[in-house]
N, C-alpha and C. Protein backbone atom coordinates (compact mmCIF):
# COMPACT_ATOMS: atom_id res chain seq x y z
N MET A 1 -143.61 -37.37 -32.80
CA MET A 1 -142.86 -37.20 -31.58
C MET A 1 -141.63 -38.11 -31.54
N LYS A 2 -141.79 -39.36 -32.05
CA LYS A 2 -140.68 -40.30 -32.06
C LYS A 2 -139.55 -39.79 -32.95
N LYS A 3 -139.89 -39.14 -34.08
CA LYS A 3 -138.87 -38.61 -34.97
C LYS A 3 -138.03 -37.55 -34.26
N ILE A 4 -138.68 -36.72 -33.48
CA ILE A 4 -137.96 -35.66 -32.76
C ILE A 4 -137.00 -36.28 -31.75
N VAL A 5 -137.43 -37.29 -31.05
CA VAL A 5 -136.58 -37.97 -30.07
C VAL A 5 -135.38 -38.62 -30.78
N TYR A 6 -135.61 -39.30 -31.90
CA TYR A 6 -134.52 -39.94 -32.64
C TYR A 6 -133.53 -38.90 -33.17
N VAL A 7 -134.02 -37.82 -33.72
CA VAL A 7 -133.14 -36.76 -34.23
C VAL A 7 -132.33 -36.17 -33.08
N PHE A 8 -132.95 -35.96 -31.95
CA PHE A 8 -132.25 -35.40 -30.79
C PHE A 8 -131.15 -36.36 -30.31
N ILE A 9 -131.45 -37.64 -30.24
CA ILE A 9 -130.46 -38.63 -29.81
C ILE A 9 -129.29 -38.68 -30.79
N ILE A 10 -129.57 -38.67 -32.08
CA ILE A 10 -128.51 -38.67 -33.09
C ILE A 10 -127.66 -37.41 -32.96
N PHE A 11 -128.29 -36.28 -32.74
CA PHE A 11 -127.56 -35.02 -32.56
C PHE A 11 -126.62 -35.10 -31.36
N ILE A 12 -127.10 -35.62 -30.26
CA ILE A 12 -126.29 -35.75 -29.04
C ILE A 12 -125.09 -36.68 -29.29
N VAL A 13 -125.31 -37.81 -29.94
CA VAL A 13 -124.23 -38.76 -30.22
C VAL A 13 -123.18 -38.13 -31.13
N VAL A 14 -123.60 -37.45 -32.19
CA VAL A 14 -122.66 -36.80 -33.11
C VAL A 14 -121.89 -35.70 -32.38
N ALA A 15 -122.56 -34.89 -31.59
CA ALA A 15 -121.89 -33.83 -30.83
C ALA A 15 -120.87 -34.43 -29.87
N PHE A 16 -121.21 -35.53 -29.21
CA PHE A 16 -120.30 -36.20 -28.29
C PHE A 16 -119.02 -36.65 -29.00
N PHE A 17 -119.15 -37.26 -30.17
CA PHE A 17 -117.98 -37.72 -30.91
C PHE A 17 -117.14 -36.54 -31.43
N ILE A 18 -117.76 -35.47 -31.81
CA ILE A 18 -117.01 -34.28 -32.24
C ILE A 18 -116.21 -33.72 -31.08
N ILE A 19 -116.82 -33.65 -29.91
CA ILE A 19 -116.13 -33.14 -28.72
C ILE A 19 -114.94 -34.01 -28.36
N LEU A 20 -115.11 -35.32 -28.40
CA LEU A 20 -114.03 -36.24 -28.04
C LEU A 20 -112.90 -36.24 -29.05
N SER A 21 -113.19 -35.95 -30.30
CA SER A 21 -112.16 -36.00 -31.33
C SER A 21 -111.42 -34.68 -31.51
N THR A 22 -111.78 -33.65 -30.77
CA THR A 22 -111.12 -32.37 -30.89
C THR A 22 -109.72 -32.47 -30.29
N ALA A 23 -108.72 -32.12 -31.10
CA ALA A 23 -107.32 -32.19 -30.65
C ALA A 23 -106.99 -31.02 -29.73
N ILE A 24 -106.06 -31.25 -28.84
CA ILE A 24 -105.59 -30.20 -27.93
C ILE A 24 -104.51 -29.40 -28.65
N ASP A 25 -104.61 -28.08 -28.58
CA ASP A 25 -103.60 -27.19 -29.15
C ASP A 25 -102.41 -27.17 -28.20
N THR A 26 -101.28 -27.75 -28.61
CA THR A 26 -100.11 -27.86 -27.74
C THR A 26 -99.03 -26.83 -28.09
N SER A 27 -99.40 -25.77 -28.79
CA SER A 27 -98.42 -24.76 -29.17
C SER A 27 -97.96 -23.95 -27.96
N LYS A 28 -96.82 -23.30 -28.11
CA LYS A 28 -96.28 -22.47 -27.03
C LYS A 28 -97.25 -21.34 -26.69
N GLU A 29 -97.90 -20.78 -27.69
CA GLU A 29 -98.84 -19.68 -27.48
C GLU A 29 -100.07 -20.10 -26.68
N ASN A 30 -100.38 -21.39 -26.70
CA ASN A 30 -101.56 -21.89 -25.99
C ASN A 30 -101.18 -22.62 -24.70
N SER A 31 -99.97 -22.40 -24.21
CA SER A 31 -99.50 -23.10 -23.01
C SER A 31 -99.33 -22.16 -21.83
N ILE A 32 -99.52 -22.68 -20.64
CA ILE A 32 -99.40 -21.92 -19.39
C ILE A 32 -98.20 -22.46 -18.62
N LYS A 33 -97.37 -21.56 -18.11
CA LYS A 33 -96.14 -21.91 -17.39
C LYS A 33 -96.42 -22.15 -15.90
N VAL A 34 -95.78 -23.20 -15.36
CA VAL A 34 -95.89 -23.54 -13.94
C VAL A 34 -94.49 -23.91 -13.44
N TYR A 35 -94.15 -23.44 -12.24
CA TYR A 35 -92.90 -23.81 -11.58
C TYR A 35 -93.23 -24.68 -10.37
N GLY A 36 -92.33 -25.58 -10.03
CA GLY A 36 -92.56 -26.34 -8.81
C GLY A 36 -91.52 -27.40 -8.57
N THR A 37 -91.60 -28.01 -7.40
CA THR A 37 -90.73 -29.12 -7.04
C THR A 37 -91.52 -30.41 -7.19
N VAL A 38 -90.94 -31.37 -7.89
CA VAL A 38 -91.64 -32.63 -8.16
C VAL A 38 -91.72 -33.45 -6.88
N LYS A 39 -92.94 -33.75 -6.49
CA LYS A 39 -93.20 -34.58 -5.30
C LYS A 39 -93.13 -36.05 -5.67
N SER A 40 -93.75 -36.42 -6.80
CA SER A 40 -93.72 -37.82 -7.22
C SER A 40 -93.96 -37.94 -8.72
N ILE A 41 -93.50 -39.06 -9.25
CA ILE A 41 -93.72 -39.45 -10.65
C ILE A 41 -94.43 -40.80 -10.60
N THR A 42 -95.54 -40.91 -11.31
CA THR A 42 -96.28 -42.17 -11.36
C THR A 42 -96.74 -42.43 -12.80
N GLU A 43 -97.30 -43.61 -13.01
CA GLU A 43 -97.90 -43.94 -14.30
C GLU A 43 -99.41 -43.82 -14.17
N GLY A 44 -100.02 -43.17 -15.13
CA GLY A 44 -101.47 -43.03 -15.12
C GLY A 44 -102.01 -43.18 -16.53
N GLY A 45 -103.32 -43.32 -16.63
CA GLY A 45 -103.92 -43.43 -17.96
C GLY A 45 -103.32 -44.58 -18.74
N VAL A 46 -103.04 -44.32 -20.02
CA VAL A 46 -102.41 -45.31 -20.88
C VAL A 46 -100.95 -44.93 -21.06
N LYS A 47 -100.10 -45.44 -20.17
CA LYS A 47 -98.65 -45.20 -20.22
C LYS A 47 -98.28 -43.72 -20.10
N ASP A 48 -99.12 -42.94 -19.39
CA ASP A 48 -98.82 -41.52 -19.20
C ASP A 48 -97.85 -41.33 -18.03
N VAL A 49 -96.90 -40.38 -18.18
CA VAL A 49 -96.01 -40.00 -17.09
C VAL A 49 -96.73 -38.91 -16.32
N VAL A 50 -97.03 -39.15 -15.05
CA VAL A 50 -97.80 -38.21 -14.24
C VAL A 50 -96.88 -37.54 -13.22
N PHE A 51 -96.87 -36.20 -13.23
CA PHE A 51 -96.07 -35.40 -12.32
C PHE A 51 -97.00 -34.84 -11.24
N GLU A 52 -96.60 -35.02 -9.98
CA GLU A 52 -97.29 -34.37 -8.87
C GLU A 52 -96.30 -33.39 -8.27
N LEU A 53 -96.68 -32.11 -8.20
CA LEU A 53 -95.82 -31.08 -7.65
C LEU A 53 -96.19 -30.80 -6.20
N GLU A 54 -95.20 -30.40 -5.41
CA GLU A 54 -95.46 -30.05 -4.02
C GLU A 54 -96.36 -28.81 -3.96
N ASN A 55 -97.28 -28.79 -2.99
CA ASN A 55 -98.20 -27.67 -2.77
C ASN A 55 -99.02 -27.31 -4.01
N ASN A 56 -99.40 -28.32 -4.79
CA ASN A 56 -100.17 -28.10 -6.01
C ASN A 56 -101.13 -29.28 -6.16
N LYS A 57 -102.43 -29.01 -6.21
CA LYS A 57 -103.43 -30.07 -6.28
C LYS A 57 -103.60 -30.64 -7.69
N THR A 58 -103.11 -29.92 -8.69
CA THR A 58 -103.25 -30.36 -10.07
C THR A 58 -102.18 -31.39 -10.40
N LEU A 59 -102.56 -32.41 -11.17
CA LEU A 59 -101.61 -33.39 -11.70
C LEU A 59 -101.32 -33.02 -13.14
N TYR A 60 -100.09 -33.20 -13.56
CA TYR A 60 -99.67 -32.88 -14.92
C TYR A 60 -99.15 -34.16 -15.56
N TYR A 61 -99.47 -34.37 -16.85
CA TYR A 61 -99.08 -35.63 -17.47
C TYR A 61 -98.49 -35.43 -18.86
N ILE A 62 -97.55 -36.32 -19.21
CA ILE A 62 -97.03 -36.42 -20.56
C ILE A 62 -97.76 -37.60 -21.18
N ASN A 63 -98.53 -37.31 -22.20
CA ASN A 63 -99.35 -38.33 -22.83
C ASN A 63 -98.48 -39.44 -23.43
N ARG A 64 -98.73 -40.65 -22.99
CA ARG A 64 -98.03 -41.85 -23.45
C ARG A 64 -96.50 -41.75 -23.34
N GLY A 65 -96.05 -41.05 -22.32
CA GLY A 65 -94.62 -40.85 -22.12
C GLY A 65 -93.84 -42.13 -21.91
N PHE A 66 -94.45 -43.12 -21.25
CA PHE A 66 -93.75 -44.38 -21.01
C PHE A 66 -93.68 -45.25 -22.26
N GLU A 67 -94.37 -44.89 -23.31
CA GLU A 67 -94.24 -45.57 -24.60
C GLU A 67 -93.16 -44.92 -25.44
N ASN A 68 -92.79 -43.69 -25.09
CA ASN A 68 -91.93 -42.90 -25.97
C ASN A 68 -90.60 -42.47 -25.37
N ARG A 69 -89.96 -43.21 -24.58
CA ARG A 69 -88.59 -42.96 -24.08
C ARG A 69 -88.47 -42.82 -22.58
N PHE A 70 -89.52 -42.53 -21.86
CA PHE A 70 -89.41 -42.43 -20.41
C PHE A 70 -89.51 -43.82 -19.79
N GLU A 71 -88.75 -44.02 -18.71
CA GLU A 71 -88.81 -45.24 -17.93
C GLU A 71 -89.10 -44.84 -16.49
N ILE A 72 -89.96 -45.57 -15.81
CA ILE A 72 -90.45 -45.16 -14.49
C ILE A 72 -89.32 -44.96 -13.49
N PHE A 73 -88.39 -45.89 -13.39
CA PHE A 73 -87.33 -45.76 -12.38
C PHE A 73 -86.38 -44.62 -12.70
N LYS A 74 -86.05 -44.45 -13.96
CA LYS A 74 -85.18 -43.34 -14.36
C LYS A 74 -85.90 -42.01 -14.18
N ALA A 75 -87.16 -41.95 -14.51
CA ALA A 75 -87.93 -40.71 -14.34
C ALA A 75 -88.02 -40.32 -12.87
N LYS A 76 -88.23 -41.29 -11.99
CA LYS A 76 -88.27 -41.00 -10.55
C LYS A 76 -86.93 -40.43 -10.10
N LYS A 77 -85.84 -41.04 -10.52
CA LYS A 77 -84.50 -40.59 -10.14
C LYS A 77 -84.20 -39.20 -10.70
N ASP A 78 -84.59 -38.98 -11.95
CA ASP A 78 -84.27 -37.72 -12.63
C ASP A 78 -85.12 -36.54 -12.16
N PHE A 79 -86.36 -36.78 -11.70
CA PHE A 79 -87.28 -35.68 -11.43
C PHE A 79 -87.65 -35.48 -9.97
N GLU A 80 -87.87 -36.55 -9.23
CA GLU A 80 -88.39 -36.40 -7.87
C GLU A 80 -87.45 -35.57 -7.00
N GLY A 81 -88.03 -34.55 -6.35
CA GLY A 81 -87.28 -33.66 -5.49
C GLY A 81 -86.61 -32.50 -6.21
N LYS A 82 -86.73 -32.46 -7.53
CA LYS A 82 -86.08 -31.40 -8.31
C LYS A 82 -87.08 -30.31 -8.70
N LYS A 83 -86.56 -29.09 -8.83
CA LYS A 83 -87.38 -27.97 -9.29
C LYS A 83 -87.45 -28.00 -10.80
N ILE A 84 -88.68 -27.92 -11.32
CA ILE A 84 -88.87 -27.95 -12.77
C ILE A 84 -89.74 -26.78 -13.20
N THR A 85 -89.65 -26.51 -14.49
CA THR A 85 -90.56 -25.58 -15.14
C THR A 85 -91.31 -26.40 -16.16
N LEU A 86 -92.63 -26.33 -16.11
CA LEU A 86 -93.41 -27.04 -17.11
C LEU A 86 -94.47 -26.11 -17.68
N PHE A 87 -94.89 -26.45 -18.86
CA PHE A 87 -95.97 -25.74 -19.53
C PHE A 87 -97.06 -26.78 -19.80
N TYR A 88 -98.31 -26.37 -19.64
CA TYR A 88 -99.41 -27.26 -19.97
C TYR A 88 -100.37 -26.55 -20.93
N ALA A 89 -101.08 -27.34 -21.71
CA ALA A 89 -101.98 -26.80 -22.73
C ALA A 89 -103.27 -26.26 -22.10
N LYS A 90 -103.63 -25.04 -22.48
CA LYS A 90 -104.94 -24.51 -22.09
C LYS A 90 -105.98 -25.29 -22.90
N SER A 91 -106.96 -25.80 -22.22
CA SER A 91 -108.01 -26.52 -22.96
C SER A 91 -109.31 -26.45 -22.17
N TRP A 92 -110.39 -26.62 -22.89
CA TRP A 92 -111.71 -26.61 -22.30
C TRP A 92 -112.55 -27.65 -23.02
N THR A 93 -113.39 -28.33 -22.26
CA THR A 93 -114.29 -29.31 -22.85
C THR A 93 -115.64 -29.24 -22.14
N PRO A 94 -116.72 -29.43 -22.87
CA PRO A 94 -118.03 -29.44 -22.23
C PRO A 94 -118.19 -30.61 -21.25
N LEU A 95 -117.34 -31.62 -21.38
CA LEU A 95 -117.41 -32.76 -20.46
C LEU A 95 -116.86 -32.38 -19.08
N ALA A 96 -116.04 -31.32 -19.02
CA ALA A 96 -115.51 -30.81 -17.74
C ALA A 96 -115.48 -29.28 -17.84
N PRO A 97 -116.64 -28.64 -17.81
CA PRO A 97 -116.71 -27.20 -18.07
C PRO A 97 -115.97 -26.32 -17.06
N PHE A 98 -115.72 -26.81 -15.86
CA PHE A 98 -115.03 -26.01 -14.85
C PHE A 98 -113.57 -26.42 -14.70
N GLY A 99 -113.06 -27.18 -15.66
CA GLY A 99 -111.67 -27.60 -15.63
C GLY A 99 -111.52 -29.01 -15.09
N THR A 100 -110.30 -29.49 -15.15
CA THR A 100 -110.01 -30.82 -14.63
C THR A 100 -108.86 -30.73 -13.64
N CYS A 101 -108.61 -31.80 -12.94
CA CYS A 101 -107.51 -31.81 -11.98
C CYS A 101 -106.24 -32.37 -12.60
N SER A 102 -106.24 -32.61 -13.91
CA SER A 102 -105.03 -33.05 -14.61
C SER A 102 -104.87 -32.24 -15.89
N LYS A 103 -103.62 -31.92 -16.20
CA LYS A 103 -103.31 -31.06 -17.34
C LYS A 103 -102.28 -31.73 -18.24
N HIS A 104 -102.43 -31.53 -19.54
CA HIS A 104 -101.55 -32.10 -20.56
C HIS A 104 -100.28 -31.27 -20.68
N ILE A 105 -99.12 -31.86 -20.38
CA ILE A 105 -97.83 -31.17 -20.46
C ILE A 105 -97.41 -31.02 -21.91
N THR A 106 -96.95 -29.79 -22.24
CA THR A 106 -96.43 -29.54 -23.59
C THR A 106 -94.92 -29.34 -23.60
N HIS A 107 -94.34 -29.03 -22.42
CA HIS A 107 -92.90 -28.73 -22.36
C HIS A 107 -92.43 -28.85 -20.91
N VAL A 108 -91.26 -29.48 -20.68
CA VAL A 108 -90.68 -29.60 -19.35
C VAL A 108 -89.19 -29.28 -19.43
N SER A 109 -88.72 -28.50 -18.45
CA SER A 109 -87.28 -28.24 -18.37
C SER A 109 -86.82 -28.23 -16.92
N ILE A 110 -85.56 -28.61 -16.73
CA ILE A 110 -84.90 -28.55 -15.44
C ILE A 110 -83.64 -27.71 -15.64
N ASN A 111 -83.51 -26.64 -14.86
CA ASN A 111 -82.34 -25.75 -14.96
C ASN A 111 -82.09 -25.30 -16.42
N ASP A 112 -83.12 -24.88 -17.08
CA ASP A 112 -83.05 -24.41 -18.47
C ASP A 112 -82.65 -25.49 -19.48
N SER A 113 -82.63 -26.74 -19.06
CA SER A 113 -82.34 -27.84 -19.96
C SER A 113 -83.66 -28.53 -20.31
N VAL A 114 -84.00 -28.56 -21.58
CA VAL A 114 -85.27 -29.13 -22.02
C VAL A 114 -85.23 -30.65 -21.89
N VAL A 115 -86.22 -31.19 -21.18
CA VAL A 115 -86.33 -32.62 -20.96
C VAL A 115 -87.37 -33.23 -21.90
N TYR A 116 -88.41 -32.46 -22.19
CA TYR A 116 -89.51 -32.93 -23.05
C TYR A 116 -90.16 -31.71 -23.68
N SER A 117 -90.51 -31.83 -24.95
CA SER A 117 -91.20 -30.72 -25.61
C SER A 117 -92.05 -31.22 -26.77
N GLU A 118 -93.23 -30.64 -26.90
CA GLU A 118 -94.09 -30.90 -28.06
C GLU A 118 -94.01 -29.74 -29.03
N TRP A 119 -93.18 -28.75 -28.72
CA TRP A 119 -93.04 -27.59 -29.59
C TRP A 119 -91.99 -27.88 -30.66
N GLU A 120 -92.18 -27.29 -31.79
CA GLU A 120 -91.23 -27.46 -32.90
C GLU A 120 -90.09 -26.49 -32.77
């Protein structure tokens, strides 16, 4: 009986690490388009640029954006109150089977001018 419990625990731990190490597909084909007016820009996670849109409960983030060229005061000035088009990656994880309230941004544009993109 102890062997079965140990094997089960090892299986769960290995499955957990596989799930966490799965990369998000950030291609254009795997992205969903959203339009909106930026309500606020904040920092979240580990140096993530977090976009909150008006009349939208979902938060959208650029992973480690503040490490890679974005600055909080400039981002607030450039985005807050402006209409943007953004794309976020479709993703699913067993850790949040019904979705999450934050989405990984793959592409952002203002007035057809690309501000950020993970697409080649």
